[in-house]
Amino acid sequence: MNTLYQNAHSPERVTVNAFKFADVPLVVIGAIVAVALGAPALGVTLGAIAWILQRILQVTDRRFIRKLHDPVKQTGATVTESFGRIWLLAGAIVISGVAGSRKDGLAAAILIFAAYSVAFAIRLVSGPPPERKFDDVRHDS
């Protein structure tokens, strides 16, 4: 076995990757608890669905972006992807408020804020991202 294969399949790496997505089960548990305690169900549900959907999009888009060899295209795709996910979350809050009531919109906003806070804390605790190498970058001249 080569070192790359060993590192990719080590138990430590699986633990770190699972920890990166700890916000998703916390959102599901938090949504269930919030609805059980009387929070507006529409807002909490739409907020939770939007959060989980944007995390799925993040993983999918990041895989696509890693395949791009041009740093300028990578940067453009990253910015577009990040803003798109923000608009998805904002849309869920607005739709909750319009389809339900202001309380639904507030419930969606609070759930998304809490989920983002947890995800941010996880990123801080996880430390710096691994160093990326751009040796394979093709320069079109």
Protein backbone atom coordinates (compact mmCIF):
# COMPACT_ATOMS: atom_id res chain seq x y z
CA MET A 1 0.00 0.00 0.00
CA ASN A 2 1.27 3.43 -0.81
CA THR A 3 1.21 6.31 1.66
CA LEU A 4 -1.48 8.24 -0.21
CA TYR A 5 -3.87 5.30 -0.01
CA GLN A 6 -3.06 4.77 3.68
CA ASN A 7 -3.63 8.45 4.51
CA ALA A 8 -6.90 8.60 2.57
CA HIS A 9 -8.30 5.56 4.35
CA SER A 10 -6.95 6.13 7.86
CA PRO A 11 -9.40 6.16 10.79
CA GLU A 12 -8.19 9.66 11.73
CA ARG A 13 -9.22 11.04 8.34
CA VAL A 14 -12.68 9.48 8.59
CA THR A 15 -13.15 11.01 12.05
CA VAL A 16 -12.07 14.45 10.83
CA ASN A 17 -14.37 14.23 7.79
CA ALA A 18 -17.32 13.10 9.93
CA PHE A 19 -16.63 15.94 12.38
CA LYS A 20 -16.72 18.47 9.53
CA PHE A 21 -20.37 17.63 8.92
CA ALA A 22 -21.51 17.47 12.55
CA ASP A 23 -23.74 20.48 11.89
CA VAL A 24 -26.10 18.39 9.73
CA PRO A 25 -27.28 15.94 12.41
CA LEU A 26 -27.38 18.82 14.91
CA VAL A 27 -29.71 20.71 12.55
CA VAL A 28 -32.02 17.69 12.27
CA ILE A 29 -32.06 17.15 16.04
CA GLY A 30 -32.48 20.87 16.67
CA ALA A 31 -35.38 21.10 14.22
CA ILE A 32 -37.17 18.17 15.85
CA VAL A 33 -36.68 19.65 19.32
CA ALA A 34 -37.75 23.15 18.17
CA VAL A 35 -40.98 21.87 16.59
CA ALA A 36 -41.70 19.74 19.67
CA LEU A 37 -41.30 22.84 21.83
CA GLY A 38 -43.77 24.80 19.70
CA ALA A 39 -41.64 26.62 17.13
CA PRO A 40 -43.35 27.31 13.79
CA ALA A 41 -43.05 24.03 11.88
CA LEU A 42 -42.95 25.54 8.36
CA GLY A 43 -40.06 27.87 9.14
CA VAL A 44 -38.04 25.30 11.04
CA THR A 45 -38.57 22.67 8.34
CA LEU A 46 -37.70 24.96 5.43
CA GLY A 47 -34.66 26.27 7.30
CA ALA A 48 -33.42 22.74 8.00
CA ILE A 49 -34.03 21.57 4.44
CA ALA A 50 -32.25 24.61 3.02
CA TRP A 51 -29.27 24.09 5.33
CA ILE A 52 -28.90 20.42 4.42
CA LEU A 53 -29.36 21.19 0.71
CA GLN A 54 -26.69 23.88 0.75
CA ARG A 55 -24.26 21.49 2.49
CA ILE A 56 -24.90 18.88 -0.23
CA LEU A 57 -24.32 21.54 -2.89
CA GLN A 58 -21.12 22.60 -1.13
CA VAL A 59 -19.66 19.09 -1.27
CA THR A 60 -20.73 18.55 -4.88
CA ASP A 61 -19.46 21.93 -6.05
CA ARG A 62 -16.14 21.62 -4.22
CA ARG A 63 -15.49 18.29 -5.97
CA PHE A 64 -16.18 19.96 -9.32
CA ILE A 65 -14.01 22.96 -8.45
CA ARG A 66 -11.06 20.75 -7.47
CA LYS A 67 -11.09 19.31 -11.00
CA LEU A 68 -10.53 22.75 -12.53
CA HIS A 69 -6.87 23.35 -13.31
CA ASP A 70 -6.95 27.11 -13.82
CA PRO A 71 -6.70 29.06 -10.51
CA VAL A 72 -8.77 31.92 -11.98
CA LYS A 73 -11.58 29.52 -12.90
CA GLN A 74 -11.33 27.91 -9.47
CA THR A 75 -11.67 31.27 -7.77
CA GLY A 76 -14.60 32.30 -9.95
CA ALA A 77 -16.40 29.02 -9.37
CA THR A 78 -15.77 29.21 -5.62
CA VAL A 79 -17.17 32.74 -5.37
CA THR A 80 -20.20 31.84 -7.49
CA GLU A 81 -20.83 28.68 -5.47
CA SER A 82 -20.53 30.51 -2.15
CA PHE A 83 -22.91 33.30 -3.13
CA GLY A 84 -25.36 30.81 -4.60
CA ARG A 85 -25.54 28.94 -1.29
CA ILE A 86 -26.09 32.21 0.58
CA TRP A 87 -28.96 33.08 -1.76
CA LEU A 88 -30.44 29.62 -1.23
CA LEU A 89 -30.50 30.18 2.53
CA ALA A 90 -31.86 33.71 2.19
CA GLY A 91 -34.55 32.41 -0.16
CA ALA A 92 -35.61 29.81 2.38
CA ILE A 93 -36.03 32.52 5.01
CA VAL A 94 -38.08 34.73 2.67
CA ILE A 95 -40.24 31.84 1.44
CA SER A 96 -40.88 30.80 5.05
CA GLY A 97 -42.01 34.29 5.93
CA VAL A 98 -44.20 34.71 2.85
CA ALA A 99 -45.73 31.21 2.74
CA GLY A 100 -46.25 31.08 6.47
CA SER A 101 -45.99 34.04 8.79
CA ARG A 102 -43.31 36.33 10.10
CA LYS A 103 -42.76 33.82 12.89
CA ASP A 104 -41.98 31.14 10.31
CA GLY A 105 -39.43 33.40 8.64
CA LEU A 106 -37.87 34.19 12.01
CA ALA A 107 -37.75 30.48 12.91
CA ALA A 108 -35.98 29.68 9.62
CA ALA A 109 -33.53 32.54 10.17
CA ILE A 110 -32.73 31.43 13.73
CA LEU A 111 -32.22 27.82 12.67
CA ILE A 112 -29.92 28.84 9.80
CA PHE A 113 -28.00 31.23 12.07
CA ALA A 114 -27.51 28.48 14.67
CA ALA A 115 -26.43 25.97 12.00
CA TYR A 116 -23.96 28.46 10.53
CA SER A 117 -22.57 29.20 14.00
CA VAL A 118 -21.98 25.50 14.63
CA ALA A 119 -20.38 25.01 11.20
CA PHE A 120 -18.15 28.05 11.80
CA ALA A 121 -17.06 26.74 15.21
CA ILE A 122 -16.25 23.37 13.64
CA ARG A 123 -14.08 25.08 11.02
CA LEU A 124 -12.23 26.98 13.73
CA VAL A 125 -11.61 23.86 15.80
CA SER A 126 -10.56 21.83 12.74
CA GLY A 127 -7.54 24.05 12.16
CA PRO A 128 -6.17 25.30 8.86
CA PRO A 129 -7.09 23.48 5.66
CA PRO A 130 -4.45 21.24 4.11
CA GLU A 131 -1.94 22.99 1.90
CA ARG A 132 -2.88 22.90 -1.78
CA LYS A 133 -0.32 22.37 -4.47
CA PHE A 134 -0.64 24.06 -7.83
CA ASP A 135 2.15 22.14 -9.56
CA ASP A 136 -0.34 20.66 -12.04
CA VAL A 137 -1.70 24.03 -13.12
CA ARG A 138 -1.61 24.53 -16.86
CA HIS A 139 -0.91 28.04 -17.99
CA ASP A 140 -2.49 28.95 -21.31
CA SER A 141 -0.17 31.45 -22.97
